[in-house]
Amino acid sequence: MTIFYLFYAFFIANLLGYGGGPASIPLMFEEVVNRFGWLSSEEFNNVLALGNALPGPIATKIAAYVGFSVTGWGGAAIALAATIIPSGVAIILLMNVLQKHRHSPVVKGLSLAVQPVICMLMLLLTVTIFSDALESIGWIQSIVIAGVAFILLSKVKVHPALVILMAFAYGGIVVPLL
């Protein structure tokens, strides 16, 4: 039965995650952490951070890790299939329809109406991750890391993967000393 729930969780998250991997991450979090309890919030955050540091789509990396941690290689395959199937089928079936009606105000309205929902999902995930950071390393460390990351990303234009690796290094070297 776990295999079914694994497929269901990732299928739903990716079916409803309009906008790609980043839009489906909050939905995955809801299923993996809150609904089924396969990972703790901290474990999910670690998988998310590591997945962002590695090349390739984030949704498939999270699915593979969670699936493997729940039921081994079979779970990884099931979670990956559930992650890939919704977007694969949607691309095949809907691309021609969207191309024909791309100038339609209805199609444009659908796309625009979904954006605030995705924004709120990402904001809620950010708040959850930040809350976990506050609990585990304190508000001073969290604010300093967030501030340095903001400056590196927006002002210095350092690649996000390097910023994530720097945060990993800081967390592995400095935080245990505190």
N, C-alpha and C. Protein backbone atom coordinates (compact mmCIF):
# COMPACT_ATOMS: atom_id res chain seq x y z
N MET A 1 0.83 -1.20 0.00
CA MET A 1 0.00 0.00 0.00
C MET A 1 0.87 1.26 0.00
N THR A 2 2.06 1.18 0.59
CA THR A 2 2.95 2.33 0.63
C THR A 2 3.34 2.76 -0.78
N ILE A 3 3.55 1.81 -1.68
CA ILE A 3 3.90 2.12 -3.06
C ILE A 3 2.78 2.95 -3.71
N PHE A 4 1.54 2.56 -3.45
CA PHE A 4 0.40 3.31 -3.99
C PHE A 4 0.40 4.74 -3.47
N TYR A 5 0.60 4.90 -2.15
CA TYR A 5 0.61 6.24 -1.56
C TYR A 5 1.79 7.06 -2.08
N LEU A 6 2.91 6.40 -2.30
CA LEU A 6 4.08 7.08 -2.85
C LEU A 6 3.77 7.61 -4.25
N PHE A 7 3.17 6.76 -5.07
CA PHE A 7 2.78 7.20 -6.42
C PHE A 7 1.77 8.33 -6.33
N TYR A 8 0.76 8.16 -5.50
CA TYR A 8 -0.30 9.15 -5.36
C TYR A 8 0.27 10.51 -4.92
N ALA A 9 1.14 10.50 -3.91
CA ALA A 9 1.68 11.76 -3.37
C ALA A 9 2.42 12.55 -4.44
N PHE A 10 3.29 11.88 -5.17
CA PHE A 10 4.08 12.60 -6.17
C PHE A 10 3.28 12.90 -7.43
N PHE A 11 2.34 12.04 -7.76
CA PHE A 11 1.49 12.30 -8.91
C PHE A 11 0.65 13.56 -8.68
N ILE A 12 0.01 13.64 -7.52
CA ILE A 12 -0.82 14.80 -7.20
C ILE A 12 0.02 16.07 -7.12
N ALA A 13 1.16 16.00 -6.45
CA ALA A 13 2.02 17.18 -6.31
C ALA A 13 2.47 17.70 -7.67
N ASN A 14 2.79 16.81 -8.57
CA ASN A 14 3.27 17.25 -9.88
C ASN A 14 2.14 17.54 -10.86
N LEU A 15 1.01 16.91 -10.66
CA LEU A 15 -0.14 17.22 -11.50
C LEU A 15 -0.65 18.64 -11.21
N LEU A 16 -0.67 19.01 -9.94
CA LEU A 16 -1.18 20.31 -9.53
C LEU A 16 -0.10 21.38 -9.48
N GLY A 17 1.16 20.99 -9.62
CA GLY A 17 2.28 21.93 -9.53
C GLY A 17 2.52 22.66 -10.83
N TYR A 18 1.56 23.48 -11.21
CA TYR A 18 1.64 24.24 -12.46
C TYR A 18 2.82 25.21 -12.38
N GLY A 19 3.74 25.09 -13.30
CA GLY A 19 4.88 25.99 -13.32
C GLY A 19 6.20 25.28 -13.14
N GLY A 20 6.18 23.97 -13.05
CA GLY A 20 7.43 23.22 -12.96
C GLY A 20 7.80 22.84 -11.54
N GLY A 21 9.04 22.39 -11.39
CA GLY A 21 9.55 21.90 -10.12
C GLY A 21 9.37 22.84 -8.95
N PRO A 22 9.78 24.11 -9.07
CA PRO A 22 9.62 25.01 -7.94
C PRO A 22 8.18 25.17 -7.47
N ALA A 23 7.24 25.09 -8.39
CA ALA A 23 5.82 25.21 -8.01
C ALA A 23 5.31 23.95 -7.34
N SER A 24 5.92 22.81 -7.63
CA SER A 24 5.46 21.56 -7.03
C SER A 24 6.14 21.26 -5.70
N ILE A 25 7.21 21.95 -5.36
CA ILE A 25 7.93 21.68 -4.11
C ILE A 25 7.05 21.88 -2.88
N PRO A 26 6.29 22.99 -2.77
CA PRO A 26 5.41 23.11 -1.60
C PRO A 26 4.37 21.99 -1.53
N LEU A 27 3.89 21.55 -2.68
CA LEU A 27 2.93 20.44 -2.69
C LEU A 27 3.59 19.13 -2.27
N MET A 28 4.83 18.92 -2.71
CA MET A 28 5.58 17.74 -2.26
C MET A 28 5.80 17.79 -0.76
N PHE A 29 6.17 18.97 -0.26
CA PHE A 29 6.38 19.14 1.17
C PHE A 29 5.13 18.74 1.95
N GLU A 30 3.99 19.21 1.48
CA GLU A 30 2.72 18.90 2.14
C GLU A 30 2.48 17.40 2.19
N GLU A 31 2.71 16.72 1.07
CA GLU A 31 2.47 15.28 1.01
C GLU A 31 3.52 14.50 1.81
N VAL A 32 4.78 14.80 1.60
CA VAL A 32 5.88 14.02 2.17
C VAL A 32 6.03 14.24 3.67
N VAL A 33 5.91 15.49 4.10
CA VAL A 33 6.14 15.82 5.52
C VAL A 33 4.84 15.80 6.31
N ASN A 34 3.87 16.58 5.88
CA ASN A 34 2.66 16.77 6.68
C ASN A 34 1.66 15.62 6.56
N ARG A 35 1.47 15.11 5.37
CA ARG A 35 0.42 14.10 5.19
C ARG A 35 0.89 12.69 5.53
N PHE A 36 2.02 12.28 4.93
CA PHE A 36 2.47 10.89 5.11
C PHE A 36 3.59 10.75 6.13
N GLY A 37 4.29 11.82 6.47
CA GLY A 37 5.34 11.77 7.48
C GLY A 37 6.55 10.94 7.09
N TRP A 38 6.84 10.85 5.81
CA TRP A 38 8.00 10.06 5.37
C TRP A 38 9.31 10.74 5.73
N LEU A 39 9.32 12.07 5.75
CA LEU A 39 10.49 12.84 6.16
C LEU A 39 10.05 13.89 7.17
N SER A 40 10.98 14.29 8.01
CA SER A 40 10.71 15.43 8.88
C SER A 40 10.90 16.70 8.06
N SER A 41 10.45 17.80 8.60
CA SER A 41 10.62 19.08 7.91
C SER A 41 12.10 19.37 7.69
N GLU A 42 12.91 19.09 8.67
CA GLU A 42 14.36 19.32 8.56
C GLU A 42 14.98 18.44 7.47
N GLU A 43 14.58 17.18 7.43
CA GLU A 43 15.10 16.27 6.39
C GLU A 43 14.69 16.77 5.01
N PHE A 44 13.44 17.18 4.85
CA PHE A 44 12.98 17.69 3.56
C PHE A 44 13.78 18.92 3.16
N ASN A 45 14.02 19.82 4.10
CA ASN A 45 14.80 21.02 3.81
C ASN A 45 16.21 20.66 3.36
N ASN A 46 16.81 19.66 3.99
CA ASN A 46 18.15 19.22 3.60
C ASN A 46 18.14 18.63 2.19
N VAL A 47 17.14 17.82 1.88
CA VAL A 47 17.03 17.24 0.54
C VAL A 47 16.82 18.35 -0.49
N LEU A 48 16.00 19.33 -0.16
CA LEU A 48 15.75 20.46 -1.06
C LEU A 48 17.04 21.24 -1.30
N ALA A 49 17.78 21.52 -0.25
CA ALA A 49 19.03 22.27 -0.40
C ALA A 49 20.05 21.49 -1.23
N LEU A 50 20.22 20.22 -0.92
CA LEU A 50 21.17 19.41 -1.68
C LEU A 50 20.72 19.25 -3.13
N GLY A 51 19.42 19.03 -3.33
CA GLY A 51 18.89 18.90 -4.68
C GLY A 51 19.10 20.16 -5.51
N ASN A 52 19.00 21.32 -4.88
CA ASN A 52 19.23 22.57 -5.59
C ASN A 52 20.70 22.76 -5.95
N ALA A 53 21.59 22.15 -5.19
CA ALA A 53 23.02 22.27 -5.47
C ALA A 53 23.47 21.34 -6.60
N LEU A 54 22.68 20.33 -6.89
CA LEU A 54 23.02 19.37 -7.94
C LEU A 54 22.36 19.75 -9.26
N PRO A 55 22.96 19.35 -10.37
CA PRO A 55 22.35 19.68 -11.67
C PRO A 55 21.09 18.86 -11.93
N GLY A 56 20.20 19.41 -12.75
CA GLY A 56 18.99 18.70 -13.14
C GLY A 56 17.76 19.22 -12.43
N PRO A 57 16.61 18.70 -12.82
CA PRO A 57 15.35 19.16 -12.24
C PRO A 57 15.21 18.76 -10.77
N ILE A 58 14.77 19.68 -9.97
CA ILE A 58 14.67 19.47 -8.52
C ILE A 58 13.59 18.46 -8.16
N ALA A 59 12.47 18.48 -8.86
CA ALA A 59 11.35 17.60 -8.50
C ALA A 59 11.73 16.13 -8.61
N THR A 60 12.48 15.78 -9.65
CA THR A 60 12.86 14.37 -9.81
C THR A 60 13.87 13.94 -8.76
N LYS A 61 14.74 14.85 -8.34
CA LYS A 61 15.72 14.50 -7.31
C LYS A 61 15.03 14.27 -5.96
N ILE A 62 14.07 15.13 -5.64
CA ILE A 62 13.33 14.95 -4.39
C ILE A 62 12.53 13.64 -4.44
N ALA A 63 11.87 13.39 -5.56
CA ALA A 63 11.08 12.16 -5.70
C ALA A 63 11.95 10.92 -5.56
N ALA A 64 13.09 10.92 -6.22
CA ALA A 64 13.98 9.76 -6.15
C ALA A 64 14.46 9.52 -4.73
N TYR A 65 14.84 10.58 -4.04
CA TYR A 65 15.33 10.42 -2.67
C TYR A 65 14.22 9.91 -1.74
N VAL A 66 13.08 10.55 -1.80
CA VAL A 66 11.98 10.15 -0.91
C VAL A 66 11.55 8.72 -1.22
N GLY A 67 11.36 8.42 -2.51
CA GLY A 67 10.96 7.07 -2.89
C GLY A 67 11.95 6.02 -2.41
N PHE A 68 13.24 6.31 -2.58
CA PHE A 68 14.26 5.36 -2.14
C PHE A 68 14.26 5.22 -0.62
N SER A 69 14.12 6.34 0.09
CA SER A 69 14.14 6.27 1.55
C SER A 69 12.92 5.55 2.12
N VAL A 70 11.80 5.56 1.38
CA VAL A 70 10.58 4.93 1.87
C VAL A 70 10.57 3.43 1.56
N THR A 71 10.86 3.05 0.32
CA THR A 71 10.75 1.63 -0.04
C THR A 71 11.90 1.12 -0.92
N GLY A 72 13.00 1.83 -1.00
CA GLY A 72 14.14 1.35 -1.77
C GLY A 72 14.04 1.71 -3.24
N TRP A 73 14.72 0.91 -4.08
CA TRP A 73 14.79 1.21 -5.51
C TRP A 73 13.42 1.21 -6.18
N GLY A 74 12.55 0.33 -5.78
CA GLY A 74 11.21 0.31 -6.35
C GLY A 74 10.46 1.59 -6.05
N GLY A 75 10.61 2.08 -4.84
CA GLY A 75 9.98 3.34 -4.45
C GLY A 75 10.53 4.51 -5.23
N ALA A 76 11.86 4.49 -5.47
CA ALA A 76 12.47 5.55 -6.26
C ALA A 76 11.89 5.55 -7.68
N ALA A 77 11.75 4.37 -8.26
CA ALA A 77 11.21 4.27 -9.62
C ALA A 77 9.75 4.74 -9.67
N ILE A 78 8.96 4.34 -8.69
CA ILE A 78 7.54 4.73 -8.64
C ILE A 78 7.41 6.24 -8.46
N ALA A 79 8.17 6.81 -7.53
CA ALA A 79 8.09 8.25 -7.29
C ALA A 79 8.55 9.04 -8.52
N LEU A 80 9.60 8.55 -9.18
CA LEU A 80 10.06 9.22 -10.40
C LEU A 80 9.00 9.15 -11.50
N ALA A 81 8.40 7.99 -11.66
CA ALA A 81 7.34 7.85 -12.67
C ALA A 81 6.18 8.79 -12.37
N ALA A 82 5.79 8.87 -11.11
CA ALA A 82 4.68 9.75 -10.73
C ALA A 82 5.03 11.22 -10.94
N THR A 83 6.32 11.54 -10.86
CA THR A 83 6.76 12.91 -11.07
C THR A 83 6.81 13.26 -12.54
N ILE A 84 7.19 12.31 -13.37
CA ILE A 84 7.38 12.56 -14.80
C ILE A 84 6.09 12.44 -15.59
N ILE A 85 5.23 11.52 -15.22
CA ILE A 85 4.01 11.24 -16.01
C ILE A 85 3.11 12.46 -16.19
N PRO A 86 2.77 13.23 -15.12
CA PRO A 86 1.85 14.36 -15.35
C PRO A 86 2.35 15.37 -16.38
N SER A 87 3.61 15.76 -16.25
CA SER A 87 4.11 16.76 -17.19
C SER A 87 4.31 16.18 -18.57
N GLY A 88 4.74 14.93 -18.65
CA GLY A 88 4.90 14.29 -19.96
C GLY A 88 3.59 14.18 -20.71
N VAL A 89 2.56 13.72 -20.03
CA VAL A 89 1.25 13.59 -20.66
C VAL A 89 0.69 14.97 -21.02
N ALA A 90 0.85 15.92 -20.13
CA ALA A 90 0.34 17.27 -20.39
C ALA A 90 1.01 17.89 -21.61
N ILE A 91 2.30 17.72 -21.72
CA ILE A 91 3.02 18.27 -22.88
C ILE A 91 2.51 17.64 -24.16
N ILE A 92 2.39 16.33 -24.14
CA ILE A 92 1.96 15.62 -25.35
C ILE A 92 0.53 16.00 -25.75
N LEU A 93 -0.38 16.02 -24.78
CA LEU A 93 -1.79 16.24 -25.09
C LEU A 93 -2.19 17.71 -25.26
N LEU A 94 -1.58 18.57 -24.48
CA LEU A 94 -2.07 19.95 -24.44
C LEU A 94 -1.27 20.96 -25.26
N MET A 95 -0.09 20.61 -25.70
CA MET A 95 0.73 21.59 -26.40
C MET A 95 0.07 22.09 -27.69
N ASN A 96 -0.51 21.20 -28.45
CA ASN A 96 -1.18 21.64 -29.68
C ASN A 96 -2.37 22.55 -29.37
N VAL A 97 -3.13 22.22 -28.36
CA VAL A 97 -4.28 23.05 -27.99
C VAL A 97 -3.81 24.43 -27.54
N LEU A 98 -2.77 24.48 -26.71
CA LEU A 98 -2.27 25.78 -26.25
C LEU A 98 -1.69 26.60 -27.40
N GLN A 99 -1.03 25.93 -28.33
CA GLN A 99 -0.47 26.64 -29.47
C GLN A 99 -1.58 27.26 -30.32
N LYS A 100 -2.67 26.54 -30.51
CA LYS A 100 -3.78 27.05 -31.31
C LYS A 100 -4.45 28.25 -30.65
N HIS A 101 -4.49 28.25 -29.34
CA HIS A 101 -5.24 29.27 -28.60
C HIS A 101 -4.35 30.18 -27.75
N ARG A 102 -3.09 30.30 -28.11
CA ARG A 102 -2.16 31.07 -27.28
C ARG A 102 -2.51 32.55 -27.18
N HIS A 103 -3.25 33.07 -28.14
CA HIS A 103 -3.63 34.49 -28.10
C HIS A 103 -5.01 34.69 -27.46
N SER A 104 -5.63 33.62 -27.03
CA SER A 104 -6.94 33.70 -26.42
C SER A 104 -6.85 34.37 -25.05
N PRO A 105 -7.75 35.28 -24.75
CA PRO A 105 -7.75 35.91 -23.43
C PRO A 105 -8.03 34.91 -22.30
N VAL A 106 -8.75 33.84 -22.61
CA VAL A 106 -9.03 32.83 -21.59
C VAL A 106 -7.74 32.11 -21.20
N VAL A 107 -6.95 31.70 -22.18
CA VAL A 107 -5.69 31.00 -21.90
C VAL A 107 -4.74 31.92 -21.15
N LYS A 108 -4.65 33.17 -21.59
CA LYS A 108 -3.80 34.13 -20.89
C LYS A 108 -4.30 34.36 -19.46
N GLY A 109 -5.60 34.44 -19.29
CA GLY A 109 -6.17 34.63 -17.96
C GLY A 109 -5.90 33.46 -17.04
N LEU A 110 -5.99 32.24 -17.58
CA LEU A 110 -5.68 31.05 -16.76
C LEU A 110 -4.24 31.10 -16.26
N SER A 111 -3.33 31.43 -17.15
CA SER A 111 -1.92 31.50 -16.77
C SER A 111 -1.67 32.58 -15.73
N LEU A 112 -2.28 33.73 -15.91
CA LEU A 112 -2.08 34.82 -14.97
C LEU A 112 -2.74 34.56 -13.62
N ALA A 113 -3.88 33.88 -13.62
CA ALA A 113 -4.59 33.62 -12.37
C ALA A 113 -3.87 32.62 -11.48
N VAL A 114 -3.09 31.74 -12.07
CA VAL A 114 -2.39 30.72 -11.29
C VAL A 114 -1.14 31.29 -10.61
N GLN A 115 -0.56 32.33 -11.16
CA GLN A 115 0.68 32.87 -10.63
C GLN A 115 0.61 33.31 -9.16
N PRO A 116 -0.43 34.01 -8.71
CA PRO A 116 -0.49 34.37 -7.28
C PRO A 116 -0.57 33.14 -6.36
N VAL A 117 -1.23 32.09 -6.82
CA VAL A 117 -1.32 30.88 -6.01
C VAL A 117 0.07 30.26 -5.85
N ILE A 118 0.80 30.17 -6.95
CA ILE A 118 2.16 29.62 -6.88
C ILE A 118 3.03 30.49 -5.98
N CYS A 119 2.89 31.79 -6.09
CA CYS A 119 3.65 32.72 -5.24
C CYS A 119 3.36 32.46 -3.76
N MET A 120 2.11 32.26 -3.40
CA MET A 120 1.75 32.01 -2.00
C MET A 120 2.28 30.65 -1.52
N LEU A 121 2.22 29.64 -2.38
CA LEU A 121 2.77 28.33 -2.01
C LEU A 121 4.26 28.45 -1.73
N MET A 122 4.99 29.17 -2.58
CA MET A 122 6.42 29.34 -2.38
C MET A 122 6.70 30.16 -1.11
N LEU A 123 5.87 31.16 -0.84
CA LEU A 123 6.04 31.97 0.36
C LEU A 123 5.82 31.13 1.62
N LEU A 124 4.78 30.30 1.61
CA LEU A 124 4.52 29.44 2.77
C LEU A 124 5.66 28.44 2.99
N LEU A 125 6.21 27.89 1.93
CA LEU A 125 7.34 26.98 2.07
C LEU A 125 8.56 27.72 2.62
N THR A 126 8.78 28.95 2.16
CA THR A 126 9.89 29.76 2.65
C THR A 126 9.73 30.03 4.14
N VAL A 127 8.54 30.38 4.56
CA VAL A 127 8.28 30.65 5.99
C VAL A 127 8.54 29.39 6.82
N THR A 128 8.10 28.24 6.32
CA THR A 128 8.32 26.98 7.04
C THR A 128 9.81 26.67 7.16
N ILE A 129 10.53 26.82 6.09
CA ILE A 129 11.98 26.55 6.11
C ILE A 129 12.68 27.53 7.04
N PHE A 130 12.30 28.81 6.97
CA PHE A 130 12.92 29.81 7.83
C PHE A 130 12.60 29.55 9.30
N SER A 131 11.38 29.12 9.59
CA SER A 131 11.01 28.79 10.97
C SER A 131 11.85 27.63 11.49
N ASP A 132 12.06 26.62 10.66
CA ASP A 132 12.90 25.49 11.06
C ASP A 132 14.33 25.94 11.31
N ALA A 133 14.84 26.86 10.48
CA ALA A 133 16.18 27.38 10.68
C ALA A 133 16.28 28.16 11.99
N LEU A 134 15.27 28.95 12.29
CA LEU A 134 15.26 29.71 13.54
C LEU A 134 15.31 28.77 14.75
N GLU A 135 14.57 27.69 14.69
CA GLU A 135 14.56 26.72 15.79
C GLU A 135 15.89 25.99 15.93
N SER A 136 16.51 25.65 14.82
CA SER A 136 17.71 24.82 14.90
C SER A 136 19.00 25.61 15.10
N ILE A 137 19.15 26.77 14.46
CA ILE A 137 20.42 27.50 14.62
C ILE A 137 20.25 28.90 15.21
N GLY A 138 19.04 29.32 15.48
CA GLY A 138 18.81 30.61 16.11
C GLY A 138 18.58 31.72 15.10
N TRP A 139 18.04 32.83 15.60
CA TRP A 139 17.66 33.91 14.71
C TRP A 139 18.87 34.69 14.19
N ILE A 140 19.92 34.84 15.00
CA ILE A 140 21.09 35.61 14.54
C ILE A 140 21.76 34.89 13.37
N GLN A 141 22.03 33.60 13.54
CA GLN A 141 22.65 32.83 12.45
C GLN A 141 21.77 32.83 11.22
N SER A 142 20.47 32.65 11.40
CA SER A 142 19.55 32.60 10.27
C SER A 142 19.54 33.92 9.50
N ILE A 143 19.48 35.03 10.23
CA ILE A 143 19.46 36.35 9.59
C ILE A 143 20.78 36.61 8.87
N VAL A 144 21.89 36.27 9.49
CA VAL A 144 23.20 36.49 8.86
C VAL A 144 23.32 35.67 7.58
N ILE A 145 22.97 34.38 7.65
CA ILE A 145 23.05 33.52 6.46
C ILE A 145 22.12 34.03 5.36
N ALA A 146 20.89 34.38 5.72
CA ALA A 146 19.94 34.90 4.73
C ALA A 146 20.45 36.21 4.13
N GLY A 147 20.99 37.09 4.95
CA GLY A 147 21.51 38.37 4.46
C GLY A 147 22.69 38.20 3.52
N VAL A 148 23.63 37.35 3.92
CA VAL A 148 24.79 37.09 3.06
C VAL A 148 24.34 36.45 1.75
N ALA A 149 23.42 35.50 1.83
CA ALA A 149 22.91 34.85 0.61
C ALA A 149 22.22 35.88 -0.29
N PHE A 150 21.43 36.76 0.30
CA PHE A 150 20.75 37.79 -0.49
C PHE A 150 21.76 38.68 -1.22
N ILE A 151 22.79 39.12 -0.51
CA ILE A 151 23.80 39.99 -1.12
C ILE A 151 24.55 39.25 -2.23
N LEU A 152 24.95 38.01 -1.94
CA LEU A 152 25.68 37.23 -2.95
C LEU A 152 24.84 36.98 -4.20
N LEU A 153 23.56 36.69 -4.00
CA LEU A 153 22.69 36.38 -5.14
C LEU A 153 22.28 37.62 -5.92
N SER A 154 21.91 38.69 -5.22
CA SER A 154 21.35 39.85 -5.92
C SER A 154 22.38 40.91 -6.31
N LYS A 155 23.39 41.12 -5.50
CA LYS A 155 24.35 42.19 -5.77
C LYS A 155 25.61 41.67 -6.45
N VAL A 156 26.16 40.59 -5.95
CA VAL A 156 27.42 40.05 -6.48
C VAL A 156 27.16 39.11 -7.66
N LYS A 157 25.94 38.60 -7.75
CA LYS A 157 25.51 37.70 -8.84
C LYS A 157 26.27 36.37 -8.82
N VAL A 158 26.47 35.82 -7.63
CA VAL A 158 27.07 34.50 -7.49
C VAL A 158 26.02 33.46 -7.85
N HIS A 159 26.44 32.40 -8.51
CA HIS A 159 25.51 31.33 -8.92
C HIS A 159 24.85 30.73 -7.68
N PRO A 160 23.53 30.46 -7.71
CA PRO A 160 22.84 29.91 -6.54
C PRO A 160 23.44 28.61 -6.01
N ALA A 161 23.94 27.76 -6.88
CA ALA A 161 24.54 26.50 -6.42
C ALA A 161 25.76 26.78 -5.55
N LEU A 162 26.55 27.79 -5.90
CA LEU A 162 27.72 28.14 -5.08
C LEU A 162 27.30 28.70 -3.73
N VAL A 163 26.24 29.48 -3.72
CA VAL A 163 25.74 30.02 -2.45
C VAL A 163 25.25 28.88 -1.55
N ILE A 164 24.57 27.92 -2.13
CA ILE A 164 24.11 26.76 -1.36
C ILE A 164 25.30 25.97 -0.82
N LEU A 165 26.33 25.77 -1.65
CA LEU A 165 27.53 25.06 -1.20
C LEU A 165 28.24 25.82 -0.08
N MET A 166 28.29 27.15 -0.18
CA MET A 166 28.88 27.96 0.89
C MET A 166 28.09 27.81 2.19
N ALA A 167 26.75 27.78 2.08
CA ALA A 167 25.92 27.60 3.27
C ALA A 167 26.13 26.21 3.86
N PHE A 168 26.27 25.18 3.00
CA PHE A 168 26.59 23.83 3.49
C PHE A 168 27.91 23.85 4.26
N ALA A 169 28.92 24.48 3.66
CA ALA A 169 30.24 24.53 4.31
C ALA A 169 30.15 25.26 5.64
N TYR A 170 29.46 26.38 5.67
CA TYR A 170 29.29 27.14 6.91
C TYR A 170 28.57 26.29 7.96
N GLY A 171 27.49 25.64 7.52
CA GLY A 171 26.73 24.81 8.45
C GLY A 171 27.51 23.61 8.95
N GLY A 172 28.39 23.08 8.12
CA GLY A 172 29.19 21.91 8.52
C GLY A 172 30.40 22.26 9.36
N ILE A 173 30.92 23.48 9.20
CA ILE A 173 32.15 23.86 9.92
C ILE A 173 31.85 24.77 11.11
N VAL A 174 31.09 25.84 10.90
CA VAL A 174 30.89 26.86 11.93
C VAL A 174 29.77 26.49 12.91
N VAL A 175 28.63 26.09 12.40
CA VAL A 175 27.47 25.86 13.27
C VAL A 175 27.74 24.80 14.35
N PRO A 176 28.42 23.68 14.04
CA PRO A 176 28.68 22.71 15.12
C PRO A 176 29.56 23.26 16.24
N LEU A 177 30.35 24.29 15.94
CA LEU A 177 31.23 24.88 16.94
C LEU A 177 30.48 25.79 17.90
N LEU A 178 29.28 26.19 17.53
CA LEU A 178 28.52 27.13 18.36
C LEU A 178 27.82 26.44 19.50
